[in-house]
Amino acid sequence: MAHEISVQGAALVAELENWLIQEPQAELPGGVQDYVSVPNRLLSTQYLYLKMAVDQDPPVTKGAEQRYDELNAQWSGLKADFNRMLDGDVGQFNALLKKMGVDQQVRP
């Protein structure tokens, strides 16, 4: 029984970690990370860059508005995946814990 919890818990953690790192930086030899040469494609960084670009005196451009819409569409997909994990996988894991008599459960 404990083995089943361990296996399913590890799978859930791996799935959540994969969700967190949607577009990781390309791996370089020796585990080196190059923040200057390799652009960061994480969604939060793109939102922050866009915010910096539009927080200027000139009016917001159509290109910035389009990019905002693209980022929102990408976020909507990621959020739907996350909600699916919470409703499905986390719920199933909590049901397993309850079945095994474990009081502590995963809280979203």
C-alpha atoms as a PDB file:
ATOM      1  CA  MET A   1       0.000   0.000   0.000  1.00  0.00           C
ATOM      2  CA  ALA A   2       2.766   2.454   0.887  1.00  0.00           C
ATOM      3  CA  HIS A   3       4.477   1.565  -2.397  1.00  0.00           C
ATOM      4  CA  GLU A   4       1.343   2.535  -4.349  1.00  0.00           C
ATOM      5  CA  ILE A   5       1.203   5.901  -2.573  1.00  0.00           C
ATOM      6  CA  SER A   6       4.888   6.473  -3.286  1.00  0.00           C
ATOM      7  CA  VAL A   7       4.575   5.612  -6.978  1.00  0.00           C
ATOM      8  CA  GLN A   8       1.464   7.730  -7.544  1.00  0.00           C
ATOM      9  CA  GLY A   9       2.876  10.593  -5.493  1.00  0.00           C
ATOM     10  CA  ALA A  10       6.096  10.610  -7.517  1.00  0.00           C
ATOM     11  CA  ALA A  11       4.098  10.581 -10.767  1.00  0.00           C
ATOM     12  CA  LEU A  12       1.976  13.502  -9.540  1.00  0.00           C
ATOM     13  CA  VAL A  13       5.042  15.514  -8.541  1.00  0.00           C
ATOM     14  CA  ALA A  14       6.638  14.854 -11.945  1.00  0.00           C
ATOM     15  CA  GLU A  15       3.469  15.969 -13.729  1.00  0.00           C
ATOM     16  CA  LEU A  16       3.266  19.170 -11.678  1.00  0.00           C
ATOM     17  CA  GLU A  17       6.961  19.902 -12.277  1.00  0.00           C
ATOM     18  CA  ASN A  18       6.457  19.428 -16.019  1.00  0.00           C
ATOM     19  CA  TRP A  19       3.589  21.883 -15.887  1.00  0.00           C
ATOM     20  CA  LEU A  20       5.709  24.440 -14.044  1.00  0.00           C
ATOM     21  CA  ILE A  21       8.460  24.269 -16.649  1.00  0.00           C
ATOM     22  CA  GLN A  22       6.555  24.606 -19.906  1.00  0.00           C
ATOM     23  CA  GLU A  23       9.381  25.997 -21.988  1.00  0.00           C
ATOM     24  CA  PRO A  24      12.623  25.382 -20.136  1.00  0.00           C
ATOM     25  CA  GLN A  25      15.851  26.983 -21.197  1.00  0.00           C
ATOM     26  CA  ALA A  26      17.838  24.850 -23.613  1.00  0.00           C
ATOM     27  CA  GLU A  27      20.349  22.691 -21.758  1.00  0.00           C
ATOM     28  CA  LEU A  28      23.978  23.506 -22.287  1.00  0.00           C
ATOM     29  CA  PRO A  29      26.924  21.151 -21.738  1.00  0.00           C
ATOM     30  CA  GLY A  30      27.896  20.635 -18.119  1.00  0.00           C
ATOM     31  CA  GLY A  31      24.622  21.984 -16.758  1.00  0.00           C
ATOM     32  CA  VAL A  32      25.660  25.598 -17.410  1.00  0.00           C
ATOM     33  CA  GLN A  33      22.847  28.121 -17.792  1.00  0.00           C
ATOM     34  CA  ASP A  34      23.381  31.025 -20.158  1.00  0.00           C
ATOM     35  CA  TYR A  35      20.899  33.762 -19.293  1.00  0.00           C
ATOM     36  CA  VAL A  36      22.382  36.233 -21.772  1.00  0.00           C
ATOM     37  CA  SER A  37      22.624  34.172 -24.978  1.00  0.00           C
ATOM     38  CA  VAL A  38      19.540  32.004 -24.496  1.00  0.00           C
ATOM     39  CA  PRO A  39      16.335  34.019 -24.120  1.00  0.00           C
ATOM     40  CA  ASN A  40      14.005  33.057 -21.311  1.00  0.00           C
ATOM     41  CA  ARG A  41      10.760  31.836 -22.864  1.00  0.00           C
ATOM     42  CA  LEU A  42       8.830  31.300 -19.649  1.00  0.00           C
ATOM     43  CA  LEU A  43       5.374  32.823 -19.869  1.00  0.00           C
ATOM     44  CA  SER A  44       5.756  35.007 -16.778  1.00  0.00           C
ATOM     45  CA  THR A  45       8.902  36.589 -18.207  1.00  0.00           C
ATOM     46  CA  GLN A  46       7.105  37.372 -21.457  1.00  0.00           C
ATOM     47  CA  TYR A  47       4.259  39.044 -19.559  1.00  0.00           C
ATOM     48  CA  LEU A  48       6.755  41.136 -17.578  1.00  0.00           C
ATOM     49  CA  TYR A  49       8.630  42.149 -20.732  1.00  0.00           C
ATOM     50  CA  LEU A  50       5.363  43.199 -22.374  1.00  0.00           C
ATOM     51  CA  LYS A  51       4.390  45.181 -19.263  1.00  0.00           C
ATOM     52  CA  MET A  52       7.723  47.024 -19.335  1.00  0.00           C
ATOM     53  CA  ALA A  53       7.242  47.763 -23.040  1.00  0.00           C
ATOM     54  CA  VAL A  54       3.762  49.247 -22.635  1.00  0.00           C
ATOM     55  CA  ASP A  55       4.545  51.198 -19.444  1.00  0.00           C
ATOM     56  CA  GLN A  56       5.884  54.033 -21.619  1.00  0.00           C
ATOM     57  CA  ASP A  57       4.450  57.426 -22.585  1.00  0.00           C
ATOM     58  CA  PRO A  58       3.416  56.562 -26.172  1.00  0.00           C
ATOM     59  CA  PRO A  59       0.092  54.761 -26.583  1.00  0.00           C
ATOM     60  CA  VAL A  60      -0.022  50.958 -26.580  1.00  0.00           C
ATOM     61  CA  THR A  61       0.583  49.595 -30.075  1.00  0.00           C
ATOM     62  CA  LYS A  62      -1.578  47.065 -31.903  1.00  0.00           C
ATOM     63  CA  GLY A  63       1.401  44.708 -31.853  1.00  0.00           C
ATOM     64  CA  ALA A  64       1.536  44.872 -28.052  1.00  0.00           C
ATOM     65  CA  GLU A  65      -2.202  44.249 -27.856  1.00  0.00           C
ATOM     66  CA  GLN A  66      -1.856  41.249 -30.176  1.00  0.00           C
ATOM     67  CA  ARG A  67       1.018  39.875 -28.106  1.00  0.00           C
ATOM     68  CA  TYR A  68      -1.059  40.299 -24.957  1.00  0.00           C
ATOM     69  CA  ASP A  69      -3.882  38.318 -26.577  1.00  0.00           C
ATOM     70  CA  GLU A  70      -1.409  35.587 -27.623  1.00  0.00           C
ATOM     71  CA  LEU A  71       0.012  35.327 -24.102  1.00  0.00           C
ATOM     72  CA  ASN A  72      -3.495  35.181 -22.628  1.00  0.00           C
ATOM     73  CA  ALA A  73      -4.424  32.380 -25.023  1.00  0.00           C
ATOM     74  CA  GLN A  74      -1.291  30.477 -24.046  1.00  0.00           C
ATOM     75  CA  TRP A  75      -2.053  31.032 -20.348  1.00  0.00           C
ATOM     76  CA  SER A  76      -5.634  29.823 -20.816  1.00  0.00           C
ATOM     77  CA  GLY A  77      -4.324  26.508 -22.136  1.00  0.00           C
ATOM     78  CA  LEU A  78      -1.827  26.161 -19.300  1.00  0.00           C
ATOM     79  CA  LYS A  79      -4.464  27.053 -16.715  1.00  0.00           C
ATOM     80  CA  ALA A  80      -6.851  24.454 -18.171  1.00  0.00           C
ATOM     81  CA  ASP A  81      -4.101  21.813 -17.914  1.00  0.00           C
ATOM     82  CA  PHE A  82      -3.442  22.800 -14.308  1.00  0.00           C
ATOM     83  CA  ASN A  83      -7.125  22.657 -13.390  1.00  0.00           C
ATOM     84  CA  ARG A  84      -7.348  19.237 -15.031  1.00  0.00           C
ATOM     85  CA  MET A  85      -4.482  18.063 -12.824  1.00  0.00           C
ATOM     86  CA  LEU A  86      -6.117  19.488  -9.697  1.00  0.00           C
ATOM     87  CA  ASP A  87      -9.538  18.074 -10.463  1.00  0.00           C
ATOM     88  CA  GLY A  88      -8.299  14.747 -11.794  1.00  0.00           C
ATOM     89  CA  ASP A  89      -4.867  13.618 -10.672  1.00  0.00           C
ATOM     90  CA  VAL A  90      -4.704  15.427  -7.318  1.00  0.00           C
ATOM     91  CA  GLY A  91      -8.268  14.355  -6.554  1.00  0.00           C
ATOM     92  CA  GLN A  92      -7.443  10.728  -7.357  1.00  0.00           C
ATOM     93  CA  PHE A  93      -4.310  10.886  -5.216  1.00  0.00           C
ATOM     94  CA  ASN A  94      -6.293  12.336  -2.308  1.00  0.00           C
ATOM     95  CA  ALA A  95      -8.874   9.555  -2.723  1.00  0.00           C
ATOM     96  CA  LEU A  96      -6.066   6.993  -2.550  1.00  0.00           C
ATOM     97  CA  LEU A  97      -4.670   8.612   0.607  1.00  0.00           C
ATOM     98  CA  LYS A  98      -8.108   8.624   2.205  1.00  0.00           C
ATOM     99  CA  LYS A  99      -8.616   4.957   1.254  1.00  0.00           C
ATOM    100  CA  MET A 100      -5.277   4.120   2.886  1.00  0.00           C
ATOM    101  CA  GLY A 101      -6.239   5.981   6.053  1.00  0.00           C
ATOM    102  CA  VAL A 102      -3.841   8.888   5.625  1.00  0.00           C
ATOM    103  CA  ASP A 103      -5.212  12.042   7.224  1.00  0.00           C
ATOM    104  CA  GLN A 104      -2.895  14.501   5.468  1.00  0.00           C
ATOM    105  CA  GLN A 105      -3.924  15.174   1.904  1.00  0.00           C
ATOM    106  CA  VAL A 106      -2.664  17.324  -0.941  1.00  0.00           C
ATOM    107  CA  ARG A 107      -4.259  20.765  -0.841  1.00  0.00           C
ATOM    108  CA  PRO A 108      -4.534  22.740  -4.089  1.00  0.00           C
END
